[in-house]
Protein backbone atom coordinates (compact mmCIF):
# COMPACT_ATOMS: atom_id res chain seq x y z
CA MET A 1 0.00 0.00 0.00
CA HIS A 2 1.27 3.44 -0.89
CA PHE A 3 2.48 5.32 2.19
CA SER A 4 0.37 8.44 1.43
CA ARG A 5 -2.76 6.28 1.16
CA LEU A 6 -1.95 4.69 4.51
CA LEU A 7 -1.62 8.14 6.07
CA ARG A 8 -4.98 9.10 4.58
CA TYR A 9 -6.60 6.04 6.15
CA VAL A 10 -5.03 6.84 9.50
CA PHE A 11 -6.21 10.45 9.21
CA TRP A 12 -9.80 9.37 8.57
CA LEU A 13 -9.61 6.74 11.31
CA ILE A 14 -8.65 9.48 13.78
CA ILE A 15 -11.60 11.59 12.59
CA VAL A 16 -13.98 8.63 13.00
CA LEU A 17 -12.69 7.96 16.53
CA ALA A 18 -13.04 11.65 17.40
CA THR A 19 -16.58 11.65 16.02
CA LEU A 20 -17.56 8.61 18.09
CA LYS A 21 -15.91 9.91 21.26
CA GLY A 22 -17.32 13.39 20.76
CA ALA A 23 -20.82 12.06 20.12
CA TYR A 24 -20.64 9.95 23.28
CA HIS A 25 -19.66 12.91 25.45
CA LEU A 26 -22.11 15.23 23.69
CA PHE A 27 -25.13 12.97 24.25
CA ALA A 28 -23.98 12.12 27.78
CA GLN A 29 -23.75 15.82 28.60
CA ALA A 30 -27.14 16.54 27.00
CA TRP A 31 -28.70 13.72 29.04
CA TYR A 32 -27.01 14.96 32.21
CA LEU A 33 -28.29 18.51 31.73
CA PHE A 34 -31.77 17.35 30.71
CA ASN A 35 -32.09 15.41 33.95
CA GLY A 36 -31.25 18.29 36.25
CA ALA A 37 -27.51 19.04 36.37
CA HIS A 38 -26.93 22.68 37.21
CA ALA A 39 -24.38 25.15 38.54
CA GLY A 40 -24.54 26.28 42.15
CA ASP A 41 -25.37 29.84 41.06
CA ALA A 42 -28.66 28.56 39.66
CA ASN A 43 -30.00 28.47 43.22
CA TYR A 44 -29.82 32.28 43.30
CA TYR A 45 -31.47 32.63 39.90
CA TRP A 46 -34.38 30.41 40.93
CA THR A 47 -34.76 32.28 44.20
CA VAL A 48 -35.02 35.62 42.44
CA GLY A 49 -37.28 34.09 39.78
CA ARG A 50 -39.62 32.89 42.52
CA GLY A 51 -39.45 36.37 44.02
CA VAL A 52 -40.60 37.89 40.72
CA LEU A 53 -43.59 35.51 40.77
CA ASN A 54 -44.23 36.65 44.34
CA ASP A 55 -44.63 40.23 43.03
CA LEU A 56 -41.20 41.41 44.17
CA LYS A 57 -39.60 44.00 41.93
CA LEU A 58 -36.24 42.98 40.52
CA TYR A 59 -33.28 45.10 41.75
CA THR A 60 -35.62 47.03 44.07
CA ASP A 61 -37.10 44.38 46.40
CA ILE A 62 -34.77 41.47 45.63
CA PHE A 63 -31.31 41.46 44.08
CA GLU A 64 -28.68 39.27 42.46
CA GLY A 65 -25.84 40.49 40.27
CA ARG A 66 -27.04 39.39 36.83
CA PRO A 67 -29.08 40.96 34.01
CA PRO A 68 -32.85 40.30 34.03
CA ILE A 69 -33.22 37.50 31.45
CA ILE A 70 -31.85 34.68 33.63
CA PHE A 71 -34.35 35.61 36.37
CA LEU A 72 -37.24 35.94 33.93
CA LEU A 73 -36.38 32.51 32.50
CA SER A 74 -36.45 31.15 36.07
CA SER A 75 -39.86 32.74 36.65
CA ILE A 76 -41.28 31.33 33.42
CA SER A 77 -39.90 27.86 34.18
CA ILE A 78 -41.36 27.83 37.71
CA TRP A 79 -44.67 29.18 36.42
CA LEU A 80 -44.95 26.60 33.62
CA THR A 81 -43.45 23.51 35.22
CA GLY A 82 -43.34 24.23 38.96
CA ASN A 83 -39.55 23.94 38.96
CA ALA A 84 -36.45 24.57 36.82
CA ALA A 85 -37.29 21.95 34.17
CA LEU A 86 -37.64 24.42 31.30
CA GLY A 87 -34.04 25.54 31.78
CA TYR A 88 -32.85 21.92 31.89
CA TRP A 89 -34.52 21.22 28.55
CA ILE A 90 -33.04 24.35 26.98
CA ASN A 91 -29.56 23.44 28.32
CA SER A 92 -29.78 20.02 26.71
CA PHE A 93 -30.98 21.54 23.45
CA ILE A 94 -28.09 24.04 23.49
CA VAL A 95 -25.48 21.28 23.77
CA LEU A 96 -26.94 19.43 20.79
CA LEU A 97 -27.62 22.50 18.65
CA THR A 98 -24.17 24.10 18.95
CA PRO A 99 -22.39 21.56 16.67
CA ALA A 100 -25.30 21.70 14.23
CA MET A 101 -24.89 25.47 13.88
CA PHE A 102 -21.25 25.01 12.89
CA GLY A 103 -22.22 22.26 10.46
CA VAL A 104 -24.77 24.51 8.75
CA ALA A 105 -22.33 27.45 8.67
CA LEU A 106 -19.62 25.29 7.06
CA PHE A 107 -22.17 23.93 4.57
CA TYR A 108 -22.92 27.49 3.41
CA MET A 109 -19.23 28.38 3.25
CA CYS A 110 -18.30 25.26 1.25
CA ARG A 111 -21.33 24.89 -1.02
CA ASP A 112 -19.24 25.55 -4.15
CA LEU A 113 -16.58 22.94 -3.32
CA LEU A 114 -16.44 19.38 -4.57
CA ARG A 115 -18.54 16.92 -2.56
CA HIS A 116 -15.57 15.18 -0.90
CA ASP A 117 -14.00 18.45 0.23
CA LYS A 118 -17.34 19.86 1.34
CA TYR A 119 -18.00 16.85 3.59
CA LEU A 120 -14.55 17.10 5.15
CA TYR A 121 -15.05 20.76 6.06
CA ILE A 122 -18.56 20.11 7.41
CA ILE A 123 -17.24 17.28 9.59
CA LEU A 124 -14.47 19.58 10.81
CA GLY A 125 -17.08 22.22 11.69
CA LEU A 126 -19.22 19.68 13.53
CA LEU A 127 -16.22 18.45 15.54
CA PHE A 128 -15.22 21.99 16.47
CA GLY A 129 -18.83 22.66 17.48
CA VAL A 130 -18.81 19.57 19.70
CA THR A 131 -15.56 20.78 21.27
CA LEU A 132 -16.98 24.23 22.07
CA ALA A 133 -20.25 22.75 23.34
CA LEU A 134 -18.39 20.46 25.75
CA PHE A 135 -16.01 23.25 26.81
CA SER A 136 -19.00 25.45 27.67
CA ALA A 137 -20.88 22.70 29.48
CA PHE A 138 -17.87 21.48 31.46
CA GLN A 139 -16.69 24.95 32.47
CA ALA A 140 -19.99 26.77 33.05
CA GLU A 141 -22.36 23.89 33.88
CA GLY A 142 -26.10 23.99 33.34
CA TRP A 143 -28.45 26.83 34.21
CA GLN A 144 -25.54 29.28 34.24
CA SER A 145 -25.97 32.72 32.65
CA GLU A 146 -22.64 32.39 30.79
CA PHE A 147 -23.78 29.07 29.32
CA PHE A 148 -26.89 30.67 27.83
CA GLY A 149 -25.09 33.86 26.79
CA SER A 150 -22.29 31.99 25.02
CA PHE A 151 -24.75 29.91 23.04
CA PHE A 152 -26.48 33.00 21.68
CA GLY A 153 -23.07 34.55 21.02
CA ILE A 154 -22.06 31.53 18.93
CA PHE A 155 -25.47 31.67 17.25
CA TYR A 156 -24.71 35.30 16.34
CA VAL A 157 -21.34 34.34 14.81
CA THR A 158 -22.75 31.48 12.73
CA MET A 159 -25.72 33.55 11.56
CA ILE A 160 -23.30 36.14 10.14
CA ILE A 161 -22.11 33.35 7.82
CA ILE A 162 -25.48 31.72 7.14
CA LEU A 163 -27.54 34.83 6.37
CA PRO A 164 -27.35 36.09 2.77
CA ASN A 165 -24.96 38.94 2.12
CA ARG A 166 -27.76 41.45 1.60
CA ASN A 167 -28.84 44.49 3.61
CA ARG A 168 -32.25 43.10 4.53
CA ILE A 169 -34.06 44.22 7.68
CA TYR A 170 -34.94 40.56 8.32
CA ASP A 171 -31.25 39.62 8.56
CA THR A 172 -30.47 42.59 10.80
CA LEU A 173 -33.30 41.67 13.18
CA ILE A 174 -32.06 38.07 13.45
CA LEU A 175 -28.56 39.28 14.36
CA ALA A 176 -30.07 41.78 16.82
CA LEU A 177 -32.16 39.00 18.41
CA CYS A 178 -29.09 36.79 18.91
CA MET A 179 -27.23 39.78 20.33
CA PHE A 180 -30.16 40.73 22.60
CA PHE A 181 -30.22 37.34 24.31
CA SER A 182 -26.44 37.01 24.53
CA ILE A 183 -26.02 40.43 26.17
CA GLY A 184 -29.27 39.96 28.11
CA PHE A 185 -27.79 36.99 29.92
CA LYS A 186 -24.57 38.88 30.66
CA GLU A 187 -23.73 42.43 29.61
CA PRO A 188 -19.94 41.99 29.02
CA TYR A 189 -20.80 39.78 26.06
CA VAL A 190 -21.20 42.97 24.06
CA LEU A 191 -17.39 43.17 24.06
CA VAL A 192 -17.07 39.57 22.85
CA LEU A 193 -19.59 40.13 20.07
CA LEU A 194 -17.75 43.30 19.09
CA ALA A 195 -14.52 41.28 18.96
CA ALA A 196 -16.16 38.62 16.79
CA ALA A 197 -17.58 41.26 14.44
CA LEU A 198 -14.17 42.95 14.14
CA VAL A 199 -12.60 39.66 13.10
CA LEU A 200 -15.38 38.69 10.68
CA ALA A 201 -16.06 42.08 9.05
CA ARG A 202 -14.80 42.43 5.48
CA ASP A 203 -15.11 46.22 5.46
CA PHE A 204 -16.78 49.02 7.39
CA ARG A 205 -20.09 48.61 5.56
CA HIS A 206 -20.16 44.95 6.53
CA PHE A 207 -19.21 45.82 10.13
CA LYS A 208 -22.05 48.34 10.30
CA ARG A 209 -24.51 45.73 9.07
CA ILE A 210 -23.43 42.90 11.38
CA PHE A 211 -22.70 44.89 14.54
CA LEU A 212 -23.38 48.63 14.69
CA ILE A 213 -27.01 48.57 13.56
CA PRO A 214 -27.95 45.45 15.59
CA VAL A 215 -26.30 46.76 18.78
CA VAL A 216 -28.21 50.05 18.51
CA ILE A 217 -31.46 48.09 18.11
CA VAL A 218 -30.56 45.96 21.14
CA GLY A 219 -29.69 48.99 23.27
CA ILE A 220 -32.95 50.78 22.50
CA THR A 221 -35.05 47.62 22.88
CA GLY A 222 -33.39 46.66 26.16
CA LEU A 223 -33.90 50.10 27.66
CA ILE A 224 -37.56 50.15 26.63
CA ALA A 225 -38.06 46.66 28.09
CA LEU A 226 -36.55 47.73 31.43
CA PHE A 227 -38.94 50.69 31.66
CA VAL A 228 -41.97 48.64 30.59
CA MET A 229 -41.27 45.95 33.20
CA GLY A 230 -40.56 48.55 35.88
CA TYR A 231 -36.96 47.44 36.41
CA ALA A 232 -35.20 50.50 34.98
CA ASP A 233 -34.81 52.45 38.23
CA GLY A 234 -33.37 49.52 40.20
CA TYR A 235 -31.22 48.39 37.28
CA LEU A 236 -29.66 51.80 36.73
CA SER A 237 -29.45 53.07 40.31
CA THR A 238 -28.66 49.87 42.22
CA TYR A 239 -27.44 47.13 39.88
CA LEU A 240 -25.13 49.16 37.63
CA HIS A 241 -24.08 51.39 40.52
CA SER A 242 -22.95 48.43 42.62
CA LEU A 243 -21.46 46.64 39.60
CA PHE A 244 -19.23 49.49 38.46
CA GLY A 245 -18.81 51.01 41.90
CA GLN A 246 -17.14 47.97 43.44
CA LYS A 247 -17.55 44.58 41.80
CA ILE A 248 -15.67 45.51 38.62
CA MET A 249 -13.31 48.07 40.15
CA SER A 250 -12.31 46.23 43.33
CA THR A 251 -9.43 44.10 41.97
CA VAL A 252 -6.79 44.79 39.32
CA PRO A 253 -7.28 47.83 37.03
CA LEU A 254 -9.87 47.18 34.34
CA TRP A 255 -7.47 47.94 31.49
CA ARG A 256 -5.08 45.19 32.66
CA ARG A 257 -7.65 42.40 32.66
CA GLY A 258 -7.52 41.98 28.90
CA LEU A 259 -3.76 41.42 29.15
CA MET A 260 -3.82 38.57 31.69
CA PHE A 261 -3.05 35.82 29.19
CA THR A 262 -1.88 33.32 31.81
CA ILE A 263 -5.44 33.20 33.17
CA LEU A 264 -6.74 32.68 29.64
CA LEU A 265 -4.36 29.76 29.11
CA PHE A 266 -5.32 28.33 32.49
CA SER A 267 -9.01 28.44 31.52
CA GLN A 268 -8.22 26.47 28.37
CA VAL A 269 -5.98 23.81 29.92
CA GLN A 270 -8.58 23.19 32.63
CA PHE A 271 -10.55 21.64 29.78
CA SER A 272 -7.66 20.26 27.71
CA TYR A 273 -4.03 21.10 26.96
CA LEU A 274 -4.70 20.23 23.33
CA PHE A 275 -7.61 22.69 23.26
CA SER A 276 -5.21 25.41 24.38
CA ALA A 277 -2.79 24.45 21.60
CA LEU A 278 -5.67 24.48 19.09
CA ILE A 279 -6.81 28.00 20.00
CA THR A 280 -3.23 29.30 20.01
CA LEU A 281 -2.62 27.85 16.54
CA LEU A 282 -5.87 29.30 15.17
CA LEU A 283 -4.94 32.74 16.51
CA ALA A 284 -1.51 32.54 14.89
CA LEU A 285 -2.85 31.38 11.53
CA VAL A 286 -5.59 34.01 11.41
CA CYS A 287 -3.07 36.71 12.34
CA ILE A 288 -0.57 35.92 9.57
CA ARG A 289 -2.95 35.12 6.73
CA GLN A 290 -4.04 37.83 4.30
CA ARG A 291 -7.80 38.39 4.24
CA PRO A 292 -10.34 41.22 3.71
CA THR A 293 -10.56 43.24 6.93
CA LEU A 294 -12.22 46.30 8.41
CA ILE A 295 -8.94 48.22 8.18
CA LYS A 296 -7.35 48.43 4.73
CA ASN A 297 -3.92 49.72 5.73
CA SER A 298 -1.44 46.91 5.10
CA TYR A 299 0.14 47.24 8.55
CA ALA A 300 -2.70 48.57 10.71
CA LYS A 301 -4.97 45.67 9.78
CA TYR A 302 -2.77 43.36 11.85
CA LEU A 303 -4.02 45.22 14.94
CA ILE A 304 -7.57 43.91 14.50
CA LEU A 305 -6.95 40.46 15.96
CA PRO A 306 -4.98 41.67 19.04
CA ILE A 307 -7.70 44.26 19.74
CA ALA A 308 -10.41 41.61 19.39
CA LEU A 309 -8.53 39.24 21.70
CA TYR A 310 -8.08 42.04 24.25
CA LEU A 311 -11.81 42.88 24.19
CA SER A 312 -12.82 39.23 24.59
CA LEU A 313 -10.41 38.59 27.44
CA THR A 314 -11.55 41.78 29.20
CA ALA A 315 -15.14 40.52 29.05
CA ALA A 316 -14.21 37.06 30.33
CA ASN A 317 -11.86 38.35 33.02
CA MET A 318 -14.17 41.08 34.31
CA ARG A 319 -13.50 40.06 37.92
CA GLY A 320 -9.75 40.09 37.53
CA TYR A 321 -9.29 36.50 38.70
CA TYR A 322 -10.09 33.04 37.39
CA THR A 323 -13.66 31.78 37.56
CA SER A 324 -14.33 28.88 35.20
CA ASN A 325 -17.81 29.90 34.08
CA HIS A 326 -16.70 33.45 33.24
CA PHE A 327 -14.18 32.28 30.64
CA VAL A 328 -16.89 30.52 28.68
CA ALA A 329 -17.48 34.07 27.41
CA MET A 330 -14.54 33.49 25.04
CA THR A 331 -16.42 30.89 22.97
CA PRO A 332 -18.04 33.30 20.45
CA PHE A 333 -14.56 34.71 19.79
CA TYR A 334 -13.17 31.18 19.39
CA ALA A 335 -16.00 30.49 16.95
CA ALA A 336 -15.14 33.62 14.96
CA ILE A 337 -11.44 32.82 14.57
CA PHE A 338 -12.30 29.25 13.52
CA ILE A 339 -14.69 30.58 10.86
CA VAL A 340 -12.06 33.04 9.60
CA PHE A 341 -9.48 30.24 9.45
CA ILE A 342 -11.78 28.07 7.34
CA LYS A 343 -12.69 30.97 5.04
CA SER A 344 -9.04 31.87 4.49
CA THR A 345 -8.15 28.24 3.80
CA ILE A 346 -10.90 27.89 1.19
CA HIS A 347 -10.04 31.25 -0.37
CA ARG A 348 -6.30 30.59 -0.63
CA PHE A 349 -6.25 26.89 -1.48
CA ASN A 350 -9.71 26.45 -3.00
CA THR A 351 -10.30 22.84 -1.90
CA ASN A 352 -7.83 20.61 -0.10
CA LEU A 353 -6.81 21.10 3.51
CA THR A 354 -3.30 22.47 3.90
CA ILE A 355 -0.75 21.23 6.40
CA SER A 356 -2.08 23.77 8.89
CA GLY A 357 -5.62 22.54 8.23
CA ILE A 358 -4.55 18.96 8.88
CA VAL A 359 -2.88 19.99 12.14
CA VAL A 360 -6.02 21.88 13.22
CA THR A 361 -8.14 18.84 12.38
CA LEU A 362 -5.85 16.56 14.39
CA LEU A 363 -5.82 18.92 17.38
CA ILE A 364 -9.63 19.07 17.40
CA SER A 365 -9.84 15.29 17.01
CA PHE A 366 -7.36 14.47 19.76
CA THR A 367 -8.96 17.03 22.08
CA LEU A 368 -12.13 14.95 21.86
CA ILE A 369 -10.40 11.57 21.88
CA MET A 370 -8.45 12.43 25.04
CA LEU A 371 -11.52 13.43 27.06
CA PRO A 372 -11.83 10.89 29.90
CA LEU A 373 -14.60 8.31 29.66
CA SER A 374 -15.03 8.70 33.42
CA ASP A 375 -17.12 11.79 32.61
CA GLY A 376 -19.73 9.77 30.72
CA PHE A 377 -23.14 8.27 31.47
CA PRO A 378 -22.25 6.13 34.54
CA ALA A 379 -20.52 9.00 36.37
CA TYR A 380 -23.36 11.39 35.55
CA ALA A 381 -25.96 8.87 36.74
CA LYS A 382 -24.22 8.64 40.13
CA LYS A 383 -24.05 12.42 40.43
CA LEU A 384 -27.74 12.77 39.57
CA ASP A 385 -28.74 10.12 42.12
CA ALA A 386 -26.75 11.88 44.85
CA MET A 387 -28.15 15.26 43.81
CA LYS A 388 -31.76 14.04 43.87
CA GLU A 389 -31.32 12.39 47.25
CA SER A 390 -29.91 15.62 48.68
CA GLU A 391 -32.62 17.65 46.96
CA ALA A 392 -35.36 15.53 48.51
CA ASN A 393 -34.04 16.33 52.01
CA ILE A 394 -33.72 20.03 51.18
CA ILE A 395 -37.30 20.14 49.86
CA GLN A 396 -38.52 18.74 53.20
CA ILE A 397 -36.67 21.53 55.01
CA ALA A 398 -38.18 24.12 52.65
CA GLU A 399 -41.68 22.74 53.26
CA SER A 400 -41.16 23.00 57.03
CA ILE A 401 -40.13 26.65 56.65
CA ASP A 402 -43.13 27.40 54.43
CA ASN A 403 -45.52 25.72 56.89
CA ILE A 404 -44.27 27.87 59.77
CA LEU A 405 -44.46 31.08 57.73
CA ASP A 406 -47.99 30.22 56.57
CA ALA A 407 -49.14 29.39 60.10
CA CYS A 408 -47.78 32.68 61.43
CA ASP A 409 -48.99 34.70 58.44
CA ILE A 410 -45.47 35.98 57.74
CA ASP A 411 -44.64 36.63 54.12
CA ARG A 412 -40.82 36.46 54.07
CA TYR A 413 -37.93 35.14 56.15
CA PHE A 414 -34.35 36.34 56.66
CA PHE A 415 -31.53 33.81 56.38
CA THR A 416 -28.04 33.63 57.81
CA GLY A 417 -25.37 31.09 56.91
CA ASN A 418 -26.18 28.00 54.85
CA LYS A 419 -29.28 28.47 52.69
CA ASP A 420 -29.63 25.37 50.49
CA TYR A 421 -33.39 25.45 51.08
CA MET A 422 -33.76 28.96 49.63
CA PRO A 423 -34.66 28.12 45.99
CA TYR A 424 -37.26 25.58 47.15
CA THR A 425 -39.30 27.72 49.56
CA LYS A 426 -42.51 29.20 48.21
CA HIS A 427 -41.88 32.24 50.39
CA SER A 428 -39.09 34.55 49.24
CA PRO A 429 -36.22 35.56 51.51
CA LEU A 430 -36.30 39.06 52.96
CA ASN A 431 -32.57 39.39 52.30
CA PHE A 432 -32.18 42.05 49.62
CA TYR A 433 -29.04 40.42 48.17
CA VAL A 434 -29.83 36.71 48.05
CA TYR A 435 -26.17 35.79 47.54
CA THR A 436 -25.21 36.34 51.17
CA GLY A 437 -26.39 36.78 54.74
CA PRO A 438 -26.06 39.83 57.00
CA ALA A 439 -22.37 39.37 57.87
CA GLY A 440 -20.98 38.47 54.44
CA ILE A 441 -22.61 41.53 52.90
CA ILE A 442 -19.87 43.74 54.37
CA SER A 443 -17.52 42.90 51.47
CA HIS A 444 -19.96 44.32 48.92
CA HIS A 445 -20.96 47.79 47.76
CA PRO A 446 -22.22 50.12 50.55
CA LEU A 447 -25.54 50.43 48.74
CA LEU A 448 -26.07 46.67 49.02
CA VAL A 449 -24.82 46.59 52.62
CA ASN A 450 -27.35 49.18 53.77
CA LYS A 451 -30.26 47.61 51.89
CA GLN A 452 -29.40 44.19 53.31
CA LEU A 453 -29.16 45.39 56.91
CA GLU A 454 -32.31 47.48 56.52
CA ALA A 455 -34.13 44.29 55.49
CA PHE A 456 -32.59 42.53 58.51
CA SER A 457 -34.11 45.22 60.74
CA ARG A 458 -37.57 44.44 59.35
CA SER A 459 -37.35 40.66 59.70
CA LYS A 460 -39.81 38.84 61.95
CA ILE A 461 -38.28 35.39 61.45
CA VAL A 462 -34.57 34.66 61.06
CA ILE A 463 -33.31 31.22 60.04
CA VAL A 464 -29.90 30.16 61.38
CA PRO A 465 -28.01 26.90 60.85
CA GLY A 466 -27.74 24.68 63.95
CA ASN A 467 -29.07 25.65 67.36
CA SER A 468 -28.03 29.30 67.40
CA TYR A 469 -26.27 31.99 65.42
CA GLN A 470 -22.49 31.51 65.43
CA VAL A 471 -20.11 34.45 65.13
CA ASN A 472 -18.09 34.35 61.92
CA GLN A 473 -14.41 34.41 62.94
CA ARG A 474 -13.03 35.76 59.66
CA PRO A 475 -11.30 39.06 60.51
CA GLU A 476 -13.05 41.09 57.82
CA VAL A 477 -16.56 40.17 59.05
CA LYS A 478 -16.04 39.32 62.73
CA ALA A 479 -16.97 42.75 64.14
CA LEU A 480 -20.23 42.92 62.16
CA SER A 481 -21.00 39.28 62.98
CA GLN A 482 -20.62 39.99 66.71
CA LEU A 483 -23.02 42.92 66.36
CA ILE A 484 -25.51 40.64 64.60
CA LYS A 485 -25.19 38.12 67.43
CA ARG A 486 -26.01 40.79 70.04
CA TYR A 487 -28.94 42.06 67.98
CA LEU A 488 -30.40 38.57 67.64
CA ASP A 489 -29.94 37.80 71.35
CA GLU A 490 -31.66 41.04 72.31
CA HIS A 491 -34.60 41.05 69.90
CA PHE A 492 -35.19 37.40 68.92
CA THR A 493 -35.94 34.14 70.69
CA SER A 494 -35.64 30.51 69.69
CA LYS A 495 -38.89 29.76 71.52
CA PRO A 496 -41.53 29.17 68.83
CA ALA A 497 -44.31 31.71 68.56
CA GLU A 498 -47.74 30.43 69.51
CA CYS A 499 -48.68 30.13 65.84
CA ALA A 500 -45.80 27.69 65.23
CA ALA A 501 -45.74 25.84 68.54
CA SER A 502 -47.23 22.66 67.09
CA LEU A 503 -45.07 22.61 63.98
CA PRO A 504 -41.67 20.90 63.68
CA SER A 505 -38.60 23.05 63.07
CA PRO A 506 -36.69 22.47 59.84
CA GLU A 507 -34.04 19.79 60.33
CA GLY A 508 -30.60 21.28 60.97
CA TYR A 509 -31.88 24.84 61.41
CA SER A 510 -33.35 27.05 64.10
CA MET A 511 -36.16 29.52 63.56
CA LEU A 512 -35.66 32.69 65.57
CA PHE A 513 -38.83 34.70 66.22
CA ARG A 514 -38.85 38.42 66.93
CA LYS A 515 -39.87 38.93 70.56
CA ASP A 516 -42.14 41.83 69.67
CA PRO A 517 -43.21 41.52 66.00
CA GLU A 518 -44.85 44.95 66.10
CA LYS A 519 -41.70 46.70 67.30
CA ILE A 520 -39.12 47.07 64.55
CA VAL A 521 -35.74 48.12 65.97
CA PRO A 522 -33.23 49.37 63.36
CA PHE A 523 -30.00 47.40 63.18
CA PRO A 524 -27.28 49.66 64.67
CA PHE A 525 -24.93 49.68 61.69
CA LYS A 526 -24.80 51.57 58.43
CA VAL A 527 -22.11 52.17 55.84
CA VAL A 528 -21.62 55.73 54.63
CA PRO A 529 -20.78 55.65 50.88
CA GLN A 530 -17.50 57.30 49.95
């Protein structure tokens, strides 16, 4: 057998193995998400979503640091299904649809090629789509805002390729819709979509069509939606104020976050070392290859890719330190550089894959082949069984809390410490910021601190883990925690109120009742904003 033919057989064998391994992990992940796998942050989203159904106004009565869409999705899911099932179904659909979007995009790009070459490129697109889908699912997990936002960001990138190259309002609205949901799940995605558009734009007219006009539509539509739903005041005065006042500005300078490439590499190798090599190679190839760009100057056009990378990394690294789900924000940018690589390969070499194309194909294939089988169906089944067993116990605790609140005709409770029951109670917490209790709030923006402690002052029932409130010994919160302990000892009692005397306390928790429910004593602490 001729040596070149043997190499071709080996090459296709590797692709077949990657396809089988990728399909196994893809369907395993889709099944896992469909059956209830979710990120820990989802508990906060469901809590706020329940609060919206309980007529609480988002960012005014109840708060969590995300844009509205994730909470509205939670509300719709609870309203339709009684739980988070709608999000689980969408998560599963996202995992399966992501590779298909790449397959369709590559089909449109390669429709003029010979059948053999077209199929090879489509398979390559499908495999890259599987890789990005698994990267997103592994790093973000289900029901995470970044998981949803990245999907719509990738959808935006692929639709730029799929839609006809005509200035039709229909095409613009589709791009705007993708952009609306991507940014609506997390605002920094506007930087990633800008980066993707910079890389994909052939000229300024094209850039205006695929980014500038859609982003203006999204901005106007989003602002109108906030006012119509009554969220605008809280969003602008509380959410954005706290976000830019402390959360974004509290670590390294914002301008440096797009230069922290070691964190970017770490986010990639957490998934696979080969994936990191793949992205690095794609960046290098896109940078050196000639292609139509937004900037026509022969030297200045090489700045487009570094600027796009900087914008994407800034969006992903908004906190200034590594958080796995945040770096899923890079996936629309990864999708864009892959698309540009394929376009440049087809344009320069017409049909056959080049050496660089073969290396890219092998890196994608081995990234999938090297994924451990320990992450498949059996492991996921064990995790789901353990999760459902734990969830059943938590639901019993939540029902006990609801029964006591109903019996005493109290609408909301205030929590301290562990709060696993929170997303399962029909009553919403009185805590303004559902992420933390009264002591942990001290590390957040003064606006949130004061709103949280004001809510604490109005609480009639406080739930504490164990038999009593324990002072947090961490130096940064100890003083406030001691003050909380004194306030609880003075104004609350563990003796059940008459309305709850016959009801069992939630297992593992104590319900503290205000001694005089009609007498609201302000908590003696307030932060003065700088």
